Amino acid sequence: MDDLDRRLINRLQRGLPLVRDPWQVVAAELESSSAELLDRLHQLLEDGVLTRFGPMFNIERLGGAFTLAALAVPEERFENVAAQLHELPEVAHNYRREHRWNMWFVLGCASEQDLADALHRIESLTGLPLLNLPKEETYHVGLYFPV
């Protein structure tokens, strides 16, 4: 990772400008080109430096439903269960935690019924009981990690 990669990551944490061509604006700020920045972004994702890049939506305001869920996965099954979840389009991401409930993931669905169906399908697919942790309140935490 070089200086431009670092500056790009830092800039993207503040969001993209809401204009017709946001990459052109960011490129001007970083004294680069939009093609160069997009190439670098794709490379950072491919290399695993960044795991995700995309918009954040308030899915409930769009008529959808989401939840945070967890599974207590036996260590010998962890990679297999992670692969099963990775194949489900409703699973936004999953990650390991150092806890009895060691696999956490976010589900996003078109409706509450679809969400209930997905939760049931995951329990059936994995054979593991699921901990469903729906949002009770929204907090905005403006995280910024300078690179």
Protein backbone atom coordinates (compact mmCIF):
# COMPACT_ATOMS: atom_id res chain seq x y z
CA MET A 1 0.00 0.00 0.00
CA ASP A 2 1.44 3.34 -0.98
CA ASP A 3 0.59 6.93 -0.09
CA LEU A 4 -2.19 7.24 -2.70
CA ASP A 5 -3.85 4.05 -1.42
CA ARG A 6 -3.79 5.45 2.12
CA ARG A 7 -5.18 8.81 1.04
CA LEU A 8 -7.89 7.05 -0.99
CA ILE A 9 -8.95 4.89 1.97
CA ASN A 10 -8.99 7.92 4.26
CA ARG A 11 -11.04 9.93 1.75
CA LEU A 12 -13.56 7.16 1.12
CA GLN A 13 -14.29 6.88 4.83
CA ARG A 14 -15.89 10.32 4.59
CA GLY A 15 -18.20 9.18 1.78
CA LEU A 16 -18.48 10.08 -1.87
CA PRO A 17 -19.77 13.48 -2.98
CA LEU A 18 -23.38 13.44 -4.18
CA VAL A 19 -22.68 14.70 -7.69
CA ARG A 20 -23.01 13.24 -11.19
CA ASP A 21 -19.37 12.01 -11.27
CA PRO A 22 -18.12 11.60 -7.68
CA TRP A 23 -14.94 9.83 -8.75
CA GLN A 24 -13.87 12.85 -10.78
CA VAL A 25 -14.26 15.07 -7.70
CA VAL A 26 -12.30 12.66 -5.49
CA ALA A 27 -9.62 12.28 -8.17
CA ALA A 28 -9.17 16.05 -8.29
CA GLU A 29 -8.87 16.17 -4.50
CA LEU A 30 -6.26 13.41 -4.53
CA GLU A 31 -4.45 14.69 -7.63
CA SER A 32 -5.10 11.49 -9.56
CA SER A 33 -7.55 10.21 -12.15
CA SER A 34 -10.88 8.51 -11.59
CA ALA A 35 -9.67 5.46 -13.57
CA GLU A 36 -6.57 5.18 -11.34
CA LEU A 37 -8.63 5.46 -8.15
CA LEU A 38 -11.15 2.85 -9.29
CA ASP A 39 -8.32 0.49 -10.28
CA ARG A 40 -6.74 0.96 -6.87
CA LEU A 41 -10.06 0.43 -5.10
CA HIS A 42 -10.62 -2.83 -6.97
CA GLN A 43 -7.07 -3.95 -6.13
CA LEU A 44 -7.54 -3.13 -2.43
CA LEU A 45 -10.70 -5.22 -2.43
CA GLU A 46 -9.07 -8.08 -4.34
CA ASP A 47 -6.06 -8.09 -1.99
CA GLY A 48 -8.36 -8.15 1.06
CA VAL A 49 -7.08 -4.81 2.38
CA LEU A 50 -10.70 -3.67 2.13
CA THR A 51 -13.44 -6.25 2.63
CA ARG A 52 -16.39 -4.21 1.43
CA PHE A 53 -17.11 -0.99 -0.37
CA GLY A 54 -20.64 0.17 -0.97
CA PRO A 55 -23.50 2.32 0.18
CA MET A 56 -25.28 2.04 3.51
CA PHE A 57 -29.06 2.08 3.20
CA ASN A 58 -31.74 2.38 5.85
CA ILE A 59 -33.41 -0.80 4.62
CA GLU A 60 -36.44 -0.33 6.86
CA ARG A 61 -37.27 3.01 5.22
CA LEU A 62 -37.15 1.18 1.89
CA GLY A 63 -39.70 -1.36 3.15
CA GLY A 64 -37.19 -4.10 3.98
CA ALA A 65 -36.06 -5.80 7.15
CA PHE A 66 -32.72 -6.72 8.68
CA THR A 67 -31.26 -8.18 11.82
CA LEU A 68 -28.01 -9.10 13.49
CA ALA A 69 -27.81 -12.82 14.23
CA ALA A 70 -25.33 -15.23 15.75
CA LEU A 71 -24.57 -18.94 15.81
CA ALA A 72 -22.55 -21.01 18.28
CA VAL A 73 -20.57 -23.03 15.75
CA PRO A 74 -18.35 -25.95 16.80
CA GLU A 75 -14.78 -25.13 15.76
CA GLU A 76 -14.52 -28.13 13.45
CA ARG A 77 -17.56 -26.86 11.50
CA PHE A 78 -16.72 -23.16 11.48
CA GLU A 79 -15.31 -22.87 7.95
CA ASN A 80 -18.09 -25.03 6.49
CA VAL A 81 -20.86 -23.02 8.14
CA ALA A 82 -19.18 -19.74 7.10
CA ALA A 83 -19.18 -21.01 3.50
CA GLN A 84 -22.88 -21.94 3.78
CA LEU A 85 -23.76 -18.44 4.98
CA HIS A 86 -21.57 -16.85 2.33
CA GLU A 87 -23.74 -18.50 -0.35
CA LEU A 88 -26.96 -16.95 0.97
CA PRO A 89 -27.87 -13.66 -0.73
CA GLU A 90 -29.57 -12.39 2.44
CA VAL A 91 -26.32 -12.50 4.42
CA ALA A 92 -24.55 -9.15 4.12
CA HIS A 93 -21.42 -10.32 5.94
CA ASN A 94 -20.36 -12.67 8.70
CA TYR A 95 -17.45 -12.65 11.07
CA ARG A 96 -15.84 -14.60 13.89
CA ARG A 97 -16.13 -13.51 17.53
CA GLU A 98 -14.24 -14.78 20.54
CA HIS A 99 -17.37 -15.83 22.39
CA ARG A 100 -19.64 -18.86 22.75
CA TRP A 101 -21.73 -17.26 19.98
CA ASN A 102 -18.71 -17.21 17.69
CA MET A 103 -20.26 -16.48 14.26
CA TRP A 104 -22.11 -13.19 13.82
CA PHE A 105 -23.80 -12.03 10.65
CA VAL A 106 -26.23 -9.45 9.29
CA LEU A 107 -29.29 -10.48 7.29
CA GLY A 108 -31.07 -8.07 4.97
CA CYS A 109 -34.40 -9.06 3.38
CA ALA A 110 -37.22 -7.51 1.36
CA SER A 111 -39.80 -8.00 4.14
CA GLU A 112 -40.26 -9.16 7.73
CA GLN A 113 -41.67 -12.44 6.42
CA ASP A 114 -38.64 -12.97 4.19
CA LEU A 115 -36.42 -12.30 7.19
CA ALA A 116 -38.28 -14.86 9.31
CA ASP A 117 -38.02 -17.38 6.47
CA ALA A 118 -34.26 -16.75 6.10
CA LEU A 119 -33.66 -17.20 9.84
CA HIS A 120 -35.57 -20.49 9.78
CA ARG A 121 -33.69 -21.62 6.64
CA ILE A 122 -30.32 -20.92 8.32
CA GLU A 123 -31.28 -22.95 11.38
CA SER A 124 -32.41 -25.82 9.13
CA LEU A 125 -29.34 -25.58 6.89
CA THR A 126 -26.81 -25.51 9.72
CA GLY A 127 -28.67 -27.58 12.30
CA LEU A 128 -27.67 -24.96 14.88
CA PRO A 129 -29.87 -22.77 17.09
CA LEU A 130 -29.78 -19.14 16.05
CA LEU A 131 -29.62 -16.02 18.21
CA ASN A 132 -31.68 -13.24 16.59
CA LEU A 133 -30.77 -9.71 17.71
CA PRO A 134 -33.09 -7.25 15.93
CA LYS A 135 -32.36 -3.55 16.18
CA GLU A 136 -34.18 -1.79 18.98
CA GLU A 137 -32.77 1.69 18.45
CA THR A 138 -30.64 3.44 15.83
CA TYR A 139 -27.40 5.17 16.74
CA HIS A 140 -25.09 6.90 14.30
CA VAL A 141 -21.45 6.36 15.11
CA GLY A 142 -19.18 8.29 12.77
CA LEU A 143 -16.17 6.00 12.80
CA TYR A 144 -13.04 7.10 11.06
CA PHE A 145 -9.81 5.12 11.09
CA PRO A 146 -6.97 7.12 9.51
CA VAL A 147 -4.61 4.90 7.56
